Amino acid sequence: LRGADEIRSMLRERLGIGSGEMTGDGKFSLIEVECIGACGSAPAMMIDDHLHENLDPAHLAEILESVED
């Protein structure tokens, strides 16, 4: 949906994990879900309790940089 395949690929590459896996440091897990209640603002992802909507590659990179530190 709306670029989700590209976002998924970027997450897999950047984190070095596949769906259902966790990074070696335990900081990130990648879980694909059918719906997180953001149909009108897809693609979207949750990090902790924060919903990130209308993702594109540049926005995703910014988000990951802010949480990887």
N, C-alpha and C. Protein backbone atom coordinates (compact mmCIF):
# COMPACT_ATOMS: atom_id res chain seq x y z
N LEU A 1 0.82 -1.18 0.00
CA LEU A 1 0.00 0.00 0.00
C LEU A 1 0.87 1.25 0.00
N ARG A 2 0.67 2.05 -0.98
CA ARG A 2 1.25 3.39 -1.03
C ARG A 2 2.75 3.43 -0.71
N GLY A 3 3.53 2.50 -1.24
CA GLY A 3 4.96 2.52 -1.01
C GLY A 3 5.46 1.66 0.14
N ALA A 4 4.57 0.85 0.70
CA ALA A 4 4.96 0.01 1.84
C ALA A 4 6.07 -0.98 1.49
N ASP A 5 6.07 -1.49 0.27
CA ASP A 5 7.12 -2.45 -0.12
C ASP A 5 8.50 -1.81 -0.05
N GLU A 6 8.61 -0.57 -0.50
CA GLU A 6 9.89 0.13 -0.45
C GLU A 6 10.31 0.40 1.00
N ILE A 7 9.36 0.80 1.83
CA ILE A 7 9.66 1.05 3.25
C ILE A 7 10.09 -0.24 3.93
N ARG A 8 9.40 -1.34 3.66
CA ARG A 8 9.77 -2.64 4.23
C ARG A 8 11.18 -3.02 3.81
N SER A 9 11.51 -2.87 2.55
CA SER A 9 12.85 -3.21 2.07
C SER A 9 13.91 -2.36 2.74
N MET A 10 13.62 -1.07 2.89
CA MET A 10 14.59 -0.19 3.56
C MET A 10 14.81 -0.60 5.00
N LEU A 11 13.73 -0.94 5.71
CA LEU A 11 13.87 -1.37 7.10
C LEU A 11 14.68 -2.65 7.20
N ARG A 12 14.38 -3.61 6.36
CA ARG A 12 15.12 -4.87 6.38
C ARG A 12 16.60 -4.65 6.14
N GLU A 13 16.92 -3.80 5.16
CA GLU A 13 18.31 -3.54 4.82
C GLU A 13 19.01 -2.76 5.94
N ARG A 14 18.38 -1.72 6.41
CA ARG A 14 19.00 -0.85 7.42
C ARG A 14 19.19 -1.58 8.76
N LEU A 15 18.19 -2.37 9.16
CA LEU A 15 18.26 -3.06 10.44
C LEU A 15 18.97 -4.41 10.33
N GLY A 16 19.06 -4.95 9.13
CA GLY A 16 19.72 -6.24 8.93
C GLY A 16 18.91 -7.41 9.46
N ILE A 17 17.59 -7.26 9.48
CA ILE A 17 16.71 -8.33 9.97
C ILE A 17 15.52 -8.48 9.03
N GLY A 18 14.86 -9.60 9.15
CA GLY A 18 13.64 -9.86 8.39
C GLY A 18 12.43 -9.78 9.31
N SER A 19 11.28 -9.97 8.72
CA SER A 19 10.04 -9.93 9.49
C SER A 19 10.05 -11.00 10.57
N GLY A 20 9.64 -10.62 11.78
CA GLY A 20 9.62 -11.54 12.90
C GLY A 20 10.95 -11.69 13.61
N GLU A 21 11.94 -10.92 13.20
CA GLU A 21 13.27 -11.00 13.81
C GLU A 21 13.57 -9.77 14.66
N MET A 22 14.63 -9.88 15.46
CA MET A 22 15.06 -8.78 16.32
C MET A 22 16.54 -8.53 16.07
N THR A 23 16.95 -7.28 16.15
CA THR A 23 18.36 -6.96 15.99
C THR A 23 19.16 -7.59 17.14
N GLY A 24 20.43 -7.81 16.90
CA GLY A 24 21.28 -8.45 17.90
C GLY A 24 21.33 -7.72 19.23
N ASP A 25 21.20 -6.41 19.18
CA ASP A 25 21.23 -5.63 20.43
C ASP A 25 19.87 -5.57 21.12
N GLY A 26 18.85 -6.16 20.50
CA GLY A 26 17.52 -6.20 21.09
C GLY A 26 16.75 -4.89 21.00
N LYS A 27 17.29 -3.93 20.27
CA LYS A 27 16.67 -2.61 20.20
C LYS A 27 15.48 -2.55 19.24
N PHE A 28 15.56 -3.30 18.16
CA PHE A 28 14.51 -3.26 17.14
C PHE A 28 14.01 -4.65 16.81
N SER A 29 12.71 -4.75 16.59
CA SER A 29 12.13 -5.95 16.01
C SER A 29 11.26 -5.47 14.85
N LEU A 30 11.12 -6.34 13.87
CA LEU A 30 10.35 -6.00 12.68
C LEU A 30 9.16 -6.95 12.61
N ILE A 31 7.99 -6.39 12.81
CA ILE A 31 6.76 -7.18 12.79
C ILE A 31 5.81 -6.54 11.79
N GLU A 32 5.45 -7.28 10.77
CA GLU A 32 4.52 -6.77 9.77
C GLU A 32 3.09 -7.09 10.20
N VAL A 33 2.24 -6.08 10.11
CA VAL A 33 0.84 -6.25 10.48
C VAL A 33 -0.04 -5.81 9.33
N GLU A 34 -1.22 -6.36 9.29
CA GLU A 34 -2.18 -6.02 8.24
C GLU A 34 -2.69 -4.60 8.41
N CYS A 35 -2.97 -4.22 9.66
CA CYS A 35 -3.57 -2.90 9.89
C CYS A 35 -3.16 -2.36 11.26
N ILE A 36 -2.75 -1.10 11.27
CA ILE A 36 -2.50 -0.43 12.55
C ILE A 36 -3.40 0.81 12.67
N GLY A 37 -4.47 0.79 11.91
CA GLY A 37 -5.46 1.86 12.01
C GLY A 37 -5.03 3.16 11.35
N ALA A 38 -4.17 3.07 10.35
CA ALA A 38 -3.70 4.27 9.67
C ALA A 38 -3.90 4.15 8.16
N CYS A 39 -5.02 3.63 7.75
CA CYS A 39 -5.28 3.38 6.32
C CYS A 39 -5.17 4.64 5.48
N GLY A 40 -5.64 5.75 5.99
CA GLY A 40 -5.61 6.99 5.24
C GLY A 40 -4.26 7.66 5.21
N SER A 41 -3.31 7.16 6.00
CA SER A 41 -1.99 7.78 6.06
C SER A 41 -0.87 6.75 5.92
N ALA A 42 -1.15 5.69 5.18
CA ALA A 42 -0.16 4.64 4.94
C ALA A 42 0.89 5.14 3.96
N PRO A 43 2.08 4.55 3.97
CA PRO A 43 2.52 3.54 4.92
C PRO A 43 2.84 4.15 6.28
N ALA A 44 2.70 3.31 7.29
CA ALA A 44 2.90 3.76 8.66
C ALA A 44 3.65 2.70 9.45
N MET A 45 4.25 3.11 10.57
CA MET A 45 4.93 2.17 11.46
C MET A 45 4.85 2.70 12.88
N MET A 46 4.99 1.78 13.82
CA MET A 46 5.00 2.13 15.23
C MET A 46 6.41 1.94 15.77
N ILE A 47 6.87 2.90 16.54
CA ILE A 47 8.10 2.77 17.30
C ILE A 47 7.73 3.13 18.73
N ASP A 48 7.86 2.15 19.60
CA ASP A 48 7.35 2.27 20.97
C ASP A 48 5.87 2.61 20.87
N ASP A 49 5.43 3.70 21.43
CA ASP A 49 4.01 4.05 21.38
C ASP A 49 3.73 5.17 20.37
N HIS A 50 4.66 5.46 19.50
CA HIS A 50 4.50 6.57 18.57
C HIS A 50 4.22 6.05 17.15
N LEU A 51 3.13 6.53 16.58
CA LEU A 51 2.75 6.17 15.21
C LEU A 51 3.39 7.14 14.24
N HIS A 52 4.13 6.61 13.28
CA HIS A 52 4.75 7.42 12.22
C HIS A 52 3.98 7.14 10.94
N GLU A 53 3.41 8.18 10.35
CA GLU A 53 2.53 8.03 9.19
C GLU A 53 3.11 8.70 7.95
N ASN A 54 2.49 8.39 6.80
CA ASN A 54 2.88 8.98 5.52
C ASN A 54 4.38 8.84 5.27
N LEU A 55 4.89 7.65 5.52
CA LEU A 55 6.33 7.41 5.38
C LEU A 55 6.76 7.45 3.92
N ASP A 56 7.94 7.99 3.72
CA ASP A 56 8.64 7.90 2.45
C ASP A 56 10.10 7.64 2.82
N PRO A 57 10.95 7.29 1.85
CA PRO A 57 12.33 6.94 2.19
C PRO A 57 13.08 8.01 3.00
N ALA A 58 12.92 9.28 2.65
CA ALA A 58 13.65 10.33 3.38
C ALA A 58 13.14 10.45 4.82
N HIS A 59 11.84 10.41 4.99
CA HIS A 59 11.26 10.50 6.34
C HIS A 59 11.67 9.29 7.18
N LEU A 60 11.65 8.11 6.58
CA LEU A 60 12.07 6.90 7.30
C LEU A 60 13.51 7.02 7.76
N ALA A 61 14.40 7.50 6.89
CA ALA A 61 15.81 7.65 7.26
C ALA A 61 15.96 8.60 8.44
N GLU A 62 15.22 9.70 8.44
CA GLU A 62 15.28 10.67 9.55
C GLU A 62 14.83 10.04 10.85
N ILE A 63 13.74 9.29 10.79
CA ILE A 63 13.20 8.64 11.99
C ILE A 63 14.21 7.65 12.55
N LEU A 64 14.76 6.81 11.68
CA LEU A 64 15.71 5.79 12.15
C LEU A 64 16.96 6.44 12.73
N GLU A 65 17.45 7.49 12.12
CA GLU A 65 18.63 8.17 12.65
C GLU A 65 18.34 8.71 14.05
N SER A 66 17.15 9.21 14.27
CA SER A 66 16.81 9.80 15.57
C SER A 66 16.68 8.74 16.67
N VAL A 67 16.32 7.53 16.33
CA VAL A 67 16.13 6.50 17.35
C VAL A 67 17.30 5.52 17.46
N GLU A 68 18.22 5.55 16.52
CA GLU A 68 19.34 4.61 16.57
C GLU A 68 20.43 5.06 17.55
N ASP A 69 20.45 6.31 17.90
CA ASP A 69 21.50 6.82 18.79
C ASP A 69 21.34 6.36 20.20
